[in-house]
Amino acid sequence: SPKDSPSKTWSGAIGALICSGLCGLIAAGLLDASRLPWLLGGVLISVASQWGDLFESSLKRKFGVKDTSGIVPGHGGVMDRVDGFGMACAFAVVVLSISIGLTSLLGLDTPA
């Protein structure tokens, strides 16, 4: 989104997708779970995170705000540090809440 966040690059977005997918594969290995759901989950969480970052950037442009706070000087404020993380968490909570059997597929169900 060159208008809202001109410093973002396609290579950065693709790199984030690849790294998130690899993290999903590592999690699958640690949990001895199916790899494909974890790979897809990692990629989808990366997409949600990047969308959250772009959304927050577009809000800042719309309202003419450079920094969301002065707590972290030179970094756009606190929201620039957690916007993607917040969206990724919200996405994961919603998906896990509405998906029947997903926690079992991911190997996250707790033993009785």
N, C-alpha and C. Protein backbone atom coordinates (compact mmCIF):
# COMPACT_ATOMS: atom_id res chain seq x y z
N SER A 1 0.84 -1.18 0.00
CA SER A 1 0.00 0.00 0.00
C SER A 1 0.89 1.25 0.00
N PRO A 2 1.39 1.64 -1.16
CA PRO A 2 2.33 2.76 -1.24
C PRO A 2 1.78 4.08 -0.68
N LYS A 3 0.47 4.26 -0.77
CA LYS A 3 -0.12 5.51 -0.27
C LYS A 3 -0.08 5.56 1.26
N ASP A 4 -0.38 4.47 1.92
CA ASP A 4 -0.47 4.46 3.37
C ASP A 4 0.84 4.15 4.07
N SER A 5 1.67 3.33 3.48
CA SER A 5 2.91 2.92 4.11
C SER A 5 3.98 2.70 3.05
N PRO A 6 4.56 3.81 2.54
CA PRO A 6 5.46 3.71 1.38
C PRO A 6 6.77 2.96 1.62
N SER A 7 7.17 2.76 2.87
CA SER A 7 8.44 2.07 3.11
C SER A 7 8.30 0.55 3.15
N LYS A 8 7.09 0.04 3.07
CA LYS A 8 6.88 -1.41 3.05
C LYS A 8 7.24 -1.96 1.67
N THR A 9 7.81 -3.16 1.64
CA THR A 9 8.20 -3.76 0.36
C THR A 9 7.56 -5.14 0.20
N TRP A 10 7.45 -5.56 -1.06
CA TRP A 10 6.95 -6.91 -1.34
C TRP A 10 7.92 -7.95 -0.81
N SER A 11 9.22 -7.67 -0.89
CA SER A 11 10.19 -8.65 -0.40
C SER A 11 10.05 -8.84 1.11
N GLY A 12 9.76 -7.75 1.82
CA GLY A 12 9.53 -7.86 3.26
C GLY A 12 8.28 -8.66 3.58
N ALA A 13 7.22 -8.43 2.80
CA ALA A 13 5.97 -9.16 3.02
C ALA A 13 6.15 -10.64 2.74
N ILE A 14 6.83 -10.96 1.65
CA ILE A 14 7.07 -12.37 1.30
C ILE A 14 8.00 -13.03 2.30
N GLY A 15 9.02 -12.29 2.73
CA GLY A 15 9.94 -12.82 3.75
C GLY A 15 9.21 -13.13 5.04
N ALA A 16 8.27 -12.25 5.43
CA ALA A 16 7.48 -12.48 6.65
C ALA A 16 6.60 -13.72 6.50
N LEU A 17 6.01 -13.90 5.32
CA LEU A 17 5.19 -15.10 5.08
C LEU A 17 6.02 -16.37 5.20
N ILE A 18 7.20 -16.35 4.60
CA ILE A 18 8.08 -17.53 4.64
C ILE A 18 8.52 -17.82 6.08
N CYS A 19 8.97 -16.79 6.79
CA CYS A 19 9.43 -17.00 8.17
C CYS A 19 8.30 -17.47 9.08
N SER A 20 7.11 -16.91 8.90
CA SER A 20 5.96 -17.34 9.71
C SER A 20 5.57 -18.78 9.40
N GLY A 21 5.62 -19.14 8.13
CA GLY A 21 5.35 -20.53 7.75
C GLY A 21 6.37 -21.48 8.37
N LEU A 22 7.65 -21.07 8.36
CA LEU A 22 8.68 -21.89 8.99
C LEU A 22 8.47 -22.02 10.49
N CYS A 23 8.04 -20.94 11.13
CA CYS A 23 7.72 -21.01 12.57
C CYS A 23 6.58 -21.98 12.82
N GLY A 24 5.59 -21.98 11.92
CA GLY A 24 4.50 -22.95 12.04
C GLY A 24 5.01 -24.37 11.94
N LEU A 25 5.94 -24.62 11.01
CA LEU A 25 6.51 -25.96 10.87
C LEU A 25 7.31 -26.37 12.10
N ILE A 26 8.03 -25.41 12.68
CA ILE A 26 8.78 -25.70 13.91
C ILE A 26 7.82 -26.05 15.04
N ALA A 27 6.73 -25.28 15.16
CA ALA A 27 5.73 -25.56 16.20
C ALA A 27 5.13 -26.95 16.00
N ALA A 28 4.84 -27.30 14.74
CA ALA A 28 4.29 -28.64 14.46
C ALA A 28 5.27 -29.72 14.90
N GLY A 29 6.55 -29.50 14.63
CA GLY A 29 7.55 -30.47 15.04
C GLY A 29 7.65 -30.59 16.55
N LEU A 30 7.60 -29.47 17.24
CA LEU A 30 7.68 -29.50 18.71
C LEU A 30 6.47 -30.18 19.34
N LEU A 31 5.31 -30.02 18.70
CA LEU A 31 4.08 -30.61 19.23
C LEU A 31 3.78 -31.98 18.64
N ASP A 32 4.62 -32.42 17.72
CA ASP A 32 4.40 -33.68 17.02
C ASP A 32 3.00 -33.71 16.40
N ALA A 33 2.68 -32.61 15.69
CA ALA A 33 1.34 -32.44 15.10
C ALA A 33 1.46 -32.40 13.58
N SER A 34 0.34 -32.39 12.90
CA SER A 34 0.32 -32.30 11.44
C SER A 34 0.98 -31.00 10.99
N ARG A 35 1.82 -31.11 9.97
CA ARG A 35 2.58 -29.94 9.52
C ARG A 35 1.75 -28.95 8.70
N LEU A 36 0.88 -29.44 7.83
CA LEU A 36 0.15 -28.56 6.93
C LEU A 36 -0.72 -27.53 7.67
N PRO A 37 -1.50 -27.93 8.67
CA PRO A 37 -2.30 -26.92 9.39
C PRO A 37 -1.44 -25.85 10.06
N TRP A 38 -0.30 -26.26 10.61
CA TRP A 38 0.58 -25.29 11.25
C TRP A 38 1.24 -24.38 10.22
N LEU A 39 1.61 -24.92 9.08
CA LEU A 39 2.19 -24.10 8.01
C LEU A 39 1.17 -23.06 7.55
N LEU A 40 -0.05 -23.50 7.28
CA LEU A 40 -1.11 -22.58 6.85
C LEU A 40 -1.44 -21.57 7.95
N GLY A 41 -1.46 -22.02 9.19
CA GLY A 41 -1.72 -21.11 10.30
C GLY A 41 -0.67 -20.02 10.40
N GLY A 42 0.59 -20.40 10.25
CA GLY A 42 1.68 -19.43 10.29
C GLY A 42 1.55 -18.39 9.19
N VAL A 43 1.23 -18.86 7.99
CA VAL A 43 1.07 -17.95 6.85
C VAL A 43 -0.13 -17.03 7.07
N LEU A 44 -1.25 -17.57 7.53
CA LEU A 44 -2.45 -16.75 7.74
C LEU A 44 -2.25 -15.74 8.86
N ILE A 45 -1.54 -16.12 9.90
CA ILE A 45 -1.26 -15.17 10.98
C ILE A 45 -0.35 -14.06 10.48
N SER A 46 0.58 -14.39 9.60
CA SER A 46 1.44 -13.36 9.00
C SER A 46 0.62 -12.38 8.18
N VAL A 47 -0.33 -12.90 7.41
CA VAL A 47 -1.20 -12.02 6.61
C VAL A 47 -2.00 -11.11 7.53
N ALA A 48 -2.57 -11.67 8.60
CA ALA A 48 -3.34 -10.86 9.55
C ALA A 48 -2.46 -9.79 10.19
N SER A 49 -1.25 -10.15 10.55
CA SER A 49 -0.33 -9.21 11.17
C SER A 49 0.03 -8.08 10.22
N GLN A 50 0.33 -8.42 8.98
CA GLN A 50 0.67 -7.40 8.00
C GLN A 50 -0.53 -6.50 7.72
N TRP A 51 -1.72 -7.08 7.69
CA TRP A 51 -2.92 -6.28 7.48
C TRP A 51 -3.12 -5.31 8.65
N GLY A 52 -2.89 -5.78 9.87
CA GLY A 52 -3.01 -4.91 11.04
C GLY A 52 -2.04 -3.74 10.98
N ASP A 53 -0.82 -4.01 10.53
CA ASP A 53 0.19 -2.96 10.39
C ASP A 53 -0.24 -1.93 9.34
N LEU A 54 -0.71 -2.42 8.20
CA LEU A 54 -1.15 -1.51 7.14
C LEU A 54 -2.40 -0.73 7.56
N PHE A 55 -3.30 -1.37 8.28
CA PHE A 55 -4.51 -0.70 8.76
C PHE A 55 -4.16 0.44 9.71
N GLU A 56 -3.25 0.18 10.64
CA GLU A 56 -2.84 1.22 11.59
C GLU A 56 -2.14 2.35 10.85
N SER A 57 -1.32 2.03 9.86
CA SER A 57 -0.65 3.07 9.06
C SER A 57 -1.67 3.91 8.30
N SER A 58 -2.69 3.27 7.77
CA SER A 58 -3.71 4.03 7.03
C SER A 58 -4.50 4.95 7.97
N LEU A 59 -4.76 4.50 9.19
CA LEU A 59 -5.44 5.37 10.16
C LEU A 59 -4.59 6.58 10.50
N LYS A 60 -3.29 6.36 10.69
CA LYS A 60 -2.39 7.47 10.99
C LYS A 60 -2.36 8.46 9.83
N ARG A 61 -2.31 7.99 8.59
CA ARG A 61 -2.32 8.89 7.43
C ARG A 61 -3.64 9.64 7.34
N LYS A 62 -4.73 8.94 7.58
CA LYS A 62 -6.06 9.57 7.49
C LYS A 62 -6.20 10.73 8.47
N PHE A 63 -5.68 10.55 9.67
CA PHE A 63 -5.82 11.57 10.70
C PHE A 63 -4.60 12.48 10.81
N GLY A 64 -3.62 12.31 9.91
CA GLY A 64 -2.45 13.18 9.89
C GLY A 64 -1.57 13.08 11.12
N VAL A 65 -1.47 11.88 11.67
CA VAL A 65 -0.66 11.65 12.87
C VAL A 65 0.59 10.87 12.47
N LYS A 66 1.76 11.36 12.87
CA LYS A 66 2.99 10.64 12.54
C LYS A 66 3.28 9.56 13.58
N ASP A 67 3.17 9.90 14.83
CA ASP A 67 3.44 8.95 15.91
C ASP A 67 2.18 8.78 16.77
N THR A 68 1.93 7.54 17.20
CA THR A 68 0.76 7.30 18.04
C THR A 68 1.03 7.64 19.50
N SER A 69 2.30 7.79 19.85
CA SER A 69 2.67 8.23 21.20
C SER A 69 4.14 8.60 21.18
N GLY A 70 4.61 9.18 22.26
CA GLY A 70 6.02 9.55 22.36
C GLY A 70 6.80 8.61 23.27
N ILE A 71 6.19 7.51 23.68
CA ILE A 71 6.85 6.58 24.61
C ILE A 71 8.06 5.92 23.96
N VAL A 72 7.94 5.57 22.68
CA VAL A 72 9.05 4.96 21.95
C VAL A 72 9.46 5.95 20.85
N PRO A 73 10.32 6.91 21.16
CA PRO A 73 10.66 7.96 20.21
C PRO A 73 11.31 7.42 18.93
N GLY A 74 10.89 7.99 17.80
CA GLY A 74 11.49 7.61 16.53
C GLY A 74 10.96 6.32 15.93
N HIS A 75 10.01 5.69 16.57
CA HIS A 75 9.49 4.41 16.08
C HIS A 75 8.00 4.45 15.80
N GLY A 76 7.41 5.62 15.72
CA GLY A 76 5.99 5.72 15.42
C GLY A 76 5.09 5.52 16.61
N GLY A 77 5.65 5.29 17.75
CA GLY A 77 4.85 5.12 18.96
C GLY A 77 4.59 3.66 19.29
N VAL A 78 3.92 3.48 20.39
CA VAL A 78 3.65 2.13 20.90
C VAL A 78 2.82 1.32 19.90
N MET A 79 1.82 1.93 19.29
CA MET A 79 0.97 1.18 18.35
C MET A 79 1.77 0.62 17.18
N ASP A 80 2.81 1.32 16.73
CA ASP A 80 3.62 0.79 15.63
C ASP A 80 4.40 -0.45 16.06
N ARG A 81 4.58 -0.65 17.33
CA ARG A 81 5.30 -1.83 17.81
C ARG A 81 4.36 -3.02 17.99
N VAL A 82 3.08 -2.77 18.21
CA VAL A 82 2.17 -3.87 18.53
C VAL A 82 0.97 -4.01 17.60
N ASP A 83 0.88 -3.19 16.54
CA ASP A 83 -0.30 -3.24 15.69
C ASP A 83 -0.46 -4.60 15.00
N GLY A 84 0.60 -5.12 14.45
CA GLY A 84 0.53 -6.44 13.81
C GLY A 84 0.30 -7.55 14.82
N PHE A 85 0.95 -7.44 15.96
CA PHE A 85 0.80 -8.44 17.01
C PHE A 85 -0.64 -8.48 17.50
N GLY A 86 -1.23 -7.32 17.71
CA GLY A 86 -2.62 -7.25 18.16
C GLY A 86 -3.58 -7.87 17.18
N MET A 87 -3.39 -7.58 15.89
CA MET A 87 -4.28 -8.13 14.87
C MET A 87 -4.07 -9.65 14.76
N ALA A 88 -2.83 -10.11 14.85
CA ALA A 88 -2.56 -11.55 14.77
C ALA A 88 -3.21 -12.28 15.95
N CYS A 89 -3.13 -11.69 17.13
CA CYS A 89 -3.77 -12.30 18.32
C CYS A 89 -5.28 -12.35 18.17
N ALA A 90 -5.85 -11.24 17.73
CA ALA A 90 -7.31 -11.20 17.54
C ALA A 90 -7.74 -12.23 16.50
N PHE A 91 -7.01 -12.32 15.40
CA PHE A 91 -7.30 -13.29 14.35
C PHE A 91 -7.25 -14.72 14.91
N ALA A 92 -6.19 -15.04 15.65
CA ALA A 92 -6.04 -16.39 16.20
C ALA A 92 -7.17 -16.73 17.17
N VAL A 93 -7.54 -15.78 18.02
CA VAL A 93 -8.61 -16.02 18.98
C VAL A 93 -9.93 -16.29 18.26
N VAL A 94 -10.24 -15.46 17.27
CA VAL A 94 -11.50 -15.64 16.53
C VAL A 94 -11.52 -16.98 15.81
N VAL A 95 -10.45 -17.29 15.10
CA VAL A 95 -10.41 -18.55 14.33
C VAL A 95 -10.50 -19.76 15.26
N LEU A 96 -9.74 -19.74 16.35
CA LEU A 96 -9.79 -20.88 17.28
C LEU A 96 -11.13 -20.98 17.99
N SER A 97 -11.81 -19.85 18.17
CA SER A 97 -13.11 -19.86 18.84
C SER A 97 -14.22 -20.43 17.97
N ILE A 98 -14.16 -20.16 16.67
CA ILE A 98 -15.27 -20.57 15.80
C ILE A 98 -15.00 -21.87 15.05
N SER A 99 -13.79 -22.36 15.10
CA SER A 99 -13.44 -23.58 14.35
C SER A 99 -13.56 -24.81 15.22
N ILE A 100 -14.52 -25.63 14.91
CA ILE A 100 -14.71 -26.87 15.66
C ILE A 100 -13.65 -27.88 15.22
N GLY A 101 -12.91 -28.40 16.17
CA GLY A 101 -11.92 -29.42 15.88
C GLY A 101 -10.55 -28.88 15.48
N LEU A 102 -10.39 -27.58 15.36
CA LEU A 102 -9.09 -27.03 14.93
C LEU A 102 -8.01 -27.24 15.99
N THR A 103 -8.38 -27.06 17.26
CA THR A 103 -7.37 -27.27 18.30
C THR A 103 -6.88 -28.71 18.31
N SER A 104 -7.75 -29.65 18.04
CA SER A 104 -7.35 -31.05 17.96
C SER A 104 -6.44 -31.29 16.76
N LEU A 105 -6.80 -30.70 15.62
CA LEU A 105 -5.99 -30.84 14.40
C LEU A 105 -4.59 -30.28 14.60
N LEU A 106 -4.49 -29.20 15.38
CA LEU A 106 -3.19 -28.57 15.65
C LEU A 106 -2.44 -29.24 16.79
N GLY A 107 -3.06 -30.18 17.45
CA GLY A 107 -2.40 -30.87 18.56
C GLY A 107 -2.41 -30.03 19.83
N LEU A 108 -3.39 -29.14 19.95
CA LEU A 108 -3.45 -28.24 21.11
C LEU A 108 -4.47 -28.65 22.16
N ASP A 109 -5.21 -29.72 21.91
CA ASP A 109 -6.19 -30.13 22.90
C ASP A 109 -5.47 -30.74 24.10
N THR A 110 -5.99 -30.44 25.26
CA THR A 110 -5.34 -30.91 26.49
C THR A 110 -5.84 -32.30 26.84
N PRO A 111 -4.97 -33.13 27.35
CA PRO A 111 -5.40 -34.48 27.74
C PRO A 111 -6.34 -34.42 28.94
N ALA A 112 -7.31 -35.31 28.95
CA ALA A 112 -8.31 -35.33 30.04
C ALA A 112 -7.77 -35.95 31.28
